[in-house]
Protein backbone atom coordinates (compact mmCIF):
# COMPACT_ATOMS: atom_id res chain seq x y z
CA UNK A 1 -18.80 30.36 36.49
CA UNK A 2 -21.16 29.20 33.74
CA UNK A 3 -22.73 31.96 31.69
CA UNK A 4 -26.40 30.99 32.02
CA UNK A 5 -27.77 33.13 29.15
CA UNK A 6 -25.08 31.90 26.76
CA UNK A 7 -25.65 28.28 27.77
CA UNK A 8 -29.39 28.69 27.30
CA UNK A 9 -28.83 30.22 23.86
CA UNK A 10 -26.60 27.31 22.81
CA UNK A 11 -29.17 24.77 24.01
CA UNK A 12 -31.89 26.60 22.11
CA UNK A 13 -29.80 26.59 18.93
CA UNK A 14 -29.10 22.89 19.35
CA UNK A 15 -32.82 22.17 19.74
CA UNK A 16 -33.64 24.18 16.62
CA UNK A 17 -30.99 22.28 14.62
CA UNK A 18 -32.34 18.99 15.96
CA UNK A 19 -35.91 19.92 14.96
CA UNK A 20 -34.70 21.00 11.51
CA UNK A 21 -32.81 17.73 11.10
CA UNK A 22 -35.94 15.73 11.98
CA UNK A 23 -37.95 17.56 9.33
CA UNK A 24 -35.41 16.72 6.59
CA UNK A 25 -35.82 13.53 4.60
CA UNK A 26 -33.34 10.84 5.58
CA UNK A 27 -31.56 11.03 2.23
CA UNK A 28 -31.14 14.80 2.41
CA UNK A 29 -29.91 14.64 5.99
CA UNK A 30 -27.38 11.95 5.05
CA UNK A 31 -26.10 14.09 2.17
CA UNK A 32 -25.83 17.05 4.51
CA UNK A 33 -23.60 15.06 6.84
CA UNK A 34 -21.32 14.24 3.89
CA UNK A 35 -20.74 17.88 2.97
CA UNK A 36 -17.56 18.30 5.12
CA UNK A 37 -16.06 15.15 3.59
CA UNK A 38 -16.86 16.37 0.08
CA UNK A 39 -15.24 19.73 0.85
CA UNK A 40 -11.99 18.11 2.01
CA UNK A 41 -12.09 15.65 -0.91
CA UNK A 42 -12.49 18.51 -3.35
CA UNK A 43 -9.73 20.62 -1.83
CA UNK A 44 -7.12 17.92 -1.37
CA UNK A 45 -7.93 15.39 -4.13
CA UNK A 46 -10.04 16.77 -6.96
CA UNK A 47 -8.42 20.22 -7.13
CA UNK A 48 -4.82 18.85 -7.21
CA UNK A 49 -5.87 16.25 -9.80
CA UNK A 50 -7.32 18.94 -12.07
CA UNK A 51 -4.18 21.00 -11.58
CA UNK A 52 -2.02 18.01 -12.54
CA UNK A 53 -4.04 17.43 -15.71
CA UNK A 54 -3.64 21.06 -16.74
CA UNK A 55 0.07 21.03 -15.90
CA UNK A 56 0.69 17.82 -17.86
CA UNK A 57 -0.44 19.56 -21.06
CA UNK A 58 1.78 22.60 -20.48
CA UNK A 59 5.27 23.11 -21.85
CA UNK A 60 8.27 23.37 -19.58
CA UNK A 61 7.96 27.14 -19.40
CA UNK A 62 4.34 26.72 -18.33
CA UNK A 63 2.94 29.14 -20.88
CA UNK A 64 1.79 26.91 -23.75
CA UNK A 65 -0.32 23.84 -24.58
CA UNK A 66 1.49 20.69 -25.72
CA UNK A 67 1.24 16.91 -25.93
CA UNK A 68 5.02 16.70 -25.80
CA UNK A 69 5.15 15.58 -22.17
CA UNK A 70 3.27 12.39 -23.00
CA UNK A 71 5.14 11.85 -26.27
CA UNK A 72 8.46 12.07 -24.42
CA UNK A 73 7.59 9.08 -22.24
CA UNK A 74 8.21 6.60 -25.05
CA UNK A 75 11.80 7.84 -25.51
CA UNK A 76 12.65 8.27 -21.84
CA UNK A 77 14.98 5.38 -20.99
CA UNK A 78 14.97 6.10 -17.26
CA UNK A 79 11.17 6.13 -17.21
CA UNK A 80 11.01 2.83 -19.09
CA UNK A 81 13.58 1.34 -16.72
CA UNK A 82 11.56 2.55 -13.75
CA UNK A 83 8.40 0.97 -15.22
CA UNK A 84 10.23 -2.34 -15.68
CA UNK A 85 11.64 -2.20 -12.15
CA UNK A 86 8.25 -1.39 -10.67
CA UNK A 87 6.47 -4.15 -12.58
CA UNK A 88 9.00 -6.69 -11.33
CA UNK A 89 8.85 -5.21 -7.84
CA UNK A 90 5.03 -5.49 -7.75
CA UNK A 91 4.83 -8.94 -9.34
CA UNK A 92 7.09 -10.38 -6.64
CA UNK A 93 6.33 -8.39 -3.49
CA UNK A 94 2.52 -8.45 -3.72
CA UNK A 95 1.91 -12.24 -3.93
CA UNK A 96 4.80 -13.05 -1.58
CA UNK A 97 3.57 -10.54 1.02
CA UNK A 98 0.00 -11.83 0.84
CA UNK A 99 1.06 -15.46 0.92
CA UNK A 100 3.33 -14.92 3.92
CA UNK A 101 0.62 -12.85 5.65
CA UNK A 102 -1.92 -15.63 5.17
CA UNK A 103 0.53 -18.24 6.48
CA UNK A 104 1.30 -16.15 9.56
CA UNK A 105 -2.40 -15.53 10.18
CA UNK A 106 -3.21 -19.24 10.03
CA UNK A 107 -0.28 -20.00 12.33
CA UNK A 108 -1.16 -17.30 14.88
CA UNK A 109 -4.86 -18.14 14.76
CA UNK A 110 -4.09 -21.31 16.67
CA UNK A 111 -4.10 -21.50 20.44
CA UNK A 112 -0.35 -21.05 20.92
CA UNK A 113 1.47 -20.07 24.09
CA UNK A 114 2.48 -16.39 23.88
CA UNK A 115 0.17 -15.86 20.93
CA UNK A 116 -0.45 -12.20 21.78
CA UNK A 117 3.27 -11.47 21.95
CA UNK A 118 3.87 -13.22 18.63
CA UNK A 119 1.08 -11.27 16.98
CA UNK A 120 2.42 -7.98 18.27
CA UNK A 121 5.95 -8.84 17.12
CA UNK A 122 4.74 -9.81 13.66
CA UNK A 123 2.72 -6.62 13.29
CA UNK A 124 5.46 -4.35 14.68
CA UNK A 125 7.20 -3.64 11.32
CA UNK A 126 3.95 -2.19 9.96
CA UNK A 127 3.85 0.57 12.58
CA UNK A 128 7.51 1.54 12.43
CA UNK A 129 8.33 4.78 10.56
CA UNK A 130 9.40 4.00 7.00
CA UNK A 131 12.61 5.99 7.33
CA UNK A 132 13.49 4.07 10.50
CA UNK A 133 12.95 0.78 8.65
CA UNK A 134 15.17 1.99 5.81
CA UNK A 135 17.95 2.93 8.24
CA UNK A 136 17.72 -0.45 10.00
CA UNK A 137 17.94 -2.38 6.75
CA UNK A 138 20.66 -0.09 5.48
CA UNK A 139 22.72 -1.30 8.41
CA UNK A 140 21.78 -4.92 7.66
CA UNK A 141 22.96 -4.54 4.06
CA UNK A 142 26.27 -2.78 4.76
CA UNK A 143 28.96 -4.73 2.87
CA UNK A 144 31.63 -4.49 5.60
CA UNK A 145 29.87 -4.17 8.94
CA UNK A 146 26.36 -5.31 8.04
CA UNK A 147 24.58 -8.05 9.98
CA UNK A 148 23.82 -10.16 6.90
CA UNK A 149 27.37 -10.16 5.56
CA UNK A 150 28.67 -10.74 9.07
CA UNK A 151 26.64 -13.95 9.29
CA UNK A 152 27.61 -15.02 5.77
CA UNK A 153 31.29 -14.35 6.40
CA UNK A 154 31.23 -16.31 9.65
CA UNK A 155 30.37 -19.50 7.74
CA UNK A 156 32.71 -18.83 4.82
CA UNK A 157 30.11 -17.68 2.29
CA UNK A 158 30.57 -14.74 -0.13
CA UNK A 159 29.66 -11.30 1.20
CA UNK A 160 28.14 -9.31 -1.67
CA UNK A 161 27.44 -5.59 -1.85
CA UNK A 162 23.67 -5.85 -1.57
CA UNK A 163 22.87 -2.26 -2.47
CA UNK A 164 25.83 -1.63 -4.75
CA UNK A 165 25.33 -4.54 -7.13
CA UNK A 166 22.77 -3.79 -9.90
CA UNK A 167 21.68 -7.43 -9.89
CA UNK A 168 21.03 -7.52 -6.12
CA UNK A 169 19.74 -4.07 -5.22
CA UNK A 170 16.14 -4.58 -6.38
CA UNK A 171 15.76 -8.05 -4.74
CA UNK A 172 17.17 -6.50 -1.56
CA UNK A 173 14.47 -3.83 -1.57
CA UNK A 174 11.86 -6.50 -2.31
CA UNK A 175 12.90 -8.50 0.77
CA UNK A 176 12.54 -5.41 2.95
CA UNK A 177 9.14 -4.58 1.46
CA UNK A 178 7.84 -8.11 2.12
CA UNK A 179 9.10 -7.93 5.70
CA UNK A 180 7.21 -4.68 6.24
CA UNK A 181 3.97 -5.57 4.44
CA UNK A 182 3.43 -9.17 5.60
CA UNK A 183 2.75 -8.22 9.23
CA UNK A 184 0.31 -5.51 8.17
CA UNK A 185 -1.81 -7.80 6.00
CA UNK A 186 -1.56 -10.59 8.57
CA UNK A 187 -3.93 -8.58 10.77
CA UNK A 188 -6.57 -8.52 8.04
CA UNK A 189 -6.28 -12.24 7.40
CA UNK A 190 -6.41 -12.91 11.12
CA UNK A 191 -9.63 -10.91 11.37
CA UNK A 192 -10.99 -12.85 8.40
CA UNK A 193 -10.19 -16.18 10.03
CA UNK A 194 -11.85 -15.13 13.26
CA UNK A 195 -15.01 -14.18 11.34
CA UNK A 196 -15.38 -17.68 9.85
CA UNK A 197 -18.03 -19.76 11.57
CA UNK A 198 -16.19 -22.50 13.56
CA UNK A 199 -19.02 -24.92 12.73
CA UNK A 200 -17.86 -25.01 9.11
CA UNK A 201 -14.41 -26.26 10.06
CA UNK A 202 -15.91 -28.63 12.60
CA UNK A 203 -18.19 -30.09 9.94
CA UNK A 204 -15.21 -30.56 7.62
CA UNK A 205 -13.28 -32.25 10.43
CA UNK A 206 -16.17 -34.62 11.06
CA UNK A 207 -16.14 -35.51 7.36
CA UNK A 208 -12.53 -36.61 7.76
CA UNK A 209 -10.84 -33.61 6.12
CA UNK A 210 -7.26 -33.00 7.23
CA UNK A 211 -5.77 -29.60 8.17
CA UNK A 212 -4.69 -28.78 4.60
CA UNK A 213 -8.06 -29.84 3.12
CA UNK A 214 -9.94 -27.77 5.74
CA UNK A 215 -7.87 -24.71 4.92
CA UNK A 216 -8.06 -25.11 1.14
CA UNK A 217 -11.75 -26.05 0.97
CA UNK A 218 -13.17 -23.94 3.82
CA UNK A 219 -10.91 -21.12 5.02
CA UNK A 220 -9.24 -20.09 1.78
CA UNK A 221 -12.45 -19.48 -0.24
CA UNK A 222 -13.96 -17.49 2.63
CA UNK A 223 -10.81 -15.35 2.83
CA UNK A 224 -11.11 -14.22 -0.80
CA UNK A 225 -12.82 -10.88 0.05
CA UNK A 226 -9.89 -10.14 2.36
CA UNK A 227 -7.47 -11.18 -0.36
CA UNK A 228 -9.13 -8.84 -2.86
CA UNK A 229 -8.89 -5.89 -0.51
CA UNK A 230 -5.34 -6.70 0.57
CA UNK A 231 -4.25 -7.26 -3.03
CA UNK A 232 -5.45 -3.83 -4.14
CA UNK A 233 -3.79 -2.13 -1.16
CA UNK A 234 -0.54 -4.09 -1.63
CA UNK A 235 -0.43 -3.24 -5.34
CA UNK A 236 -0.95 0.43 -4.57
CA UNK A 237 1.77 0.34 -1.89
CA UNK A 238 4.24 -1.33 -4.24
CA UNK A 239 3.83 1.43 -6.81
CA UNK A 240 3.88 4.21 -4.21
CA UNK A 241 7.19 3.06 -2.73
CA UNK A 242 9.62 5.97 -2.57
CA UNK A 243 10.93 6.29 1.00
CA UNK A 244 13.13 3.19 0.88
CA UNK A 245 14.65 4.18 -2.43
CA UNK A 246 15.25 7.77 -1.34
CA UNK A 247 17.04 6.80 1.88
CA UNK A 248 18.93 3.71 0.74
CA UNK A 249 19.85 3.85 -2.95
CA UNK A 250 18.72 7.09 -4.62
CA UNK A 251 17.66 4.91 -7.54
CA UNK A 252 21.13 3.51 -8.13
CA UNK A 253 23.32 1.95 -9.11
CA UNK A 254 22.73 2.88 -12.75
CA UNK A 255 18.94 3.27 -12.14
CA UNK A 256 18.72 -0.41 -11.14
CA UNK A 257 16.49 0.47 -8.18
CA UNK A 258 14.65 3.45 -9.66
CA UNK A 259 10.92 3.06 -9.07
CA UNK A 260 8.16 5.18 -10.57
CA UNK A 261 7.36 7.43 -7.63
CA UNK A 262 11.03 8.12 -6.98
CA UNK A 263 11.52 9.02 -10.64
CA UNK A 264 8.53 11.38 -10.46
CA UNK A 265 10.15 13.02 -7.44
CA UNK A 266 13.46 13.41 -9.30
CA UNK A 267 11.81 14.92 -12.35
CA UNK A 268 9.67 17.35 -10.35
CA UNK A 269 12.20 18.55 -7.79
CA UNK A 270 15.70 17.66 -8.96
CA UNK A 271 15.14 18.46 -12.64
CA UNK A 272 12.57 21.20 -11.92
CA UNK A 273 10.16 19.89 -14.55
CA UNK A 274 6.75 19.61 -12.81
CA UNK A 275 4.87 19.43 -16.13
CA UNK A 276 6.59 16.21 -17.16
CA UNK A 277 6.25 14.83 -13.61
CA UNK A 278 2.49 15.52 -13.78
CA UNK A 279 2.25 13.57 -17.04
CA UNK A 280 4.05 10.59 -15.50
CA UNK A 281 1.81 10.78 -12.41
CA UNK A 282 -1.36 10.68 -14.48
CA UNK A 283 -0.09 7.70 -16.46
CA UNK A 284 0.65 5.88 -13.20
CA UNK A 285 -2.79 6.75 -11.77
CA UNK A 286 -4.48 5.48 -14.94
CA UNK A 287 -2.48 2.25 -14.78
CA UNK A 288 -3.42 1.77 -11.12
CA UNK A 289 -7.12 2.25 -11.88
CA UNK A 290 -6.98 -0.25 -14.74
CA UNK A 291 -5.09 -2.80 -12.64
CA UNK A 292 -7.56 -2.40 -9.75
CA UNK A 293 -10.54 -2.92 -12.06
CA UNK A 294 -8.93 -5.99 -13.64
CA UNK A 295 -8.06 -7.33 -10.19
CA UNK A 296 -11.62 -6.86 -8.96
CA UNK A 297 -13.10 -8.49 -12.09
CA UNK A 298 -10.72 -11.44 -11.93
CA UNK A 299 -10.85 -12.14 -8.19
CA UNK A 300 -14.57 -11.41 -7.81
CA UNK A 301 -15.40 -14.63 -9.65
CA UNK A 302 -13.71 -16.64 -6.90
CA UNK A 303 -15.21 -14.76 -3.95
CA UNK A 304 -17.79 -16.37 -1.70
CA UNK A 305 -19.78 -13.60 -0.04
CA UNK A 306 -21.87 -14.41 2.99
């Protein structure tokens, strides 16, 4: 049974709040609505960031101020190797993922039979758990019973140890990253293509432009805002990669697949040195901010906003 007095009291309180909201200026009311978001942002982003800054200037015992954590970075061979690996990883996976995503979006934007099924299949890797993807590809890369070496051996080709060879382990992780990311960014490009006015392409077709000219002169420039957004997200993802490395290689062999976030994890939890891990984290965050700003400045010149 409904408690009538309690229900009446709640309705009265709601009316009072509504009247108070109407008397507030729009700007003040908008700021009031943002208060919960600011609280969560402060608790889970700003507070940990401040704690990391303080920790990065503390010695290993945690009881003294020092710049030694940052000075040690220049002499840390594993850190420098991780930086090199991550730069190479990002320089290859980001453009390849975006290029493949754009190609798939253009292909699946056409009126193909089974287009919905193809779109779902292409996007499927993006929604799979990362650990599950790592386990699947770990089976693919097995030197003796793996799918890839099984196919290579069946046609008489060499069967390398994909994750045990220092020269092959990083390219192997790159291939898996591209496979996972391309389907995710394909959705954004597909949405961008669907937002383009069909009359623009029709006008280009009437002018005698072929498919490649229509894409390069019409679709590609109008997809630049999507490319900017996807590029920043893909760059961030490439530097935040840790799950694949943790499950498949543990940074080996000989640190050939050690990436920055995995090295931060090792320093913080395996070596029990959170102060040094905080210093590395802040350097990585600063590098990401700089790269994002440069990316925005560079790509923004080629963007056609509507």
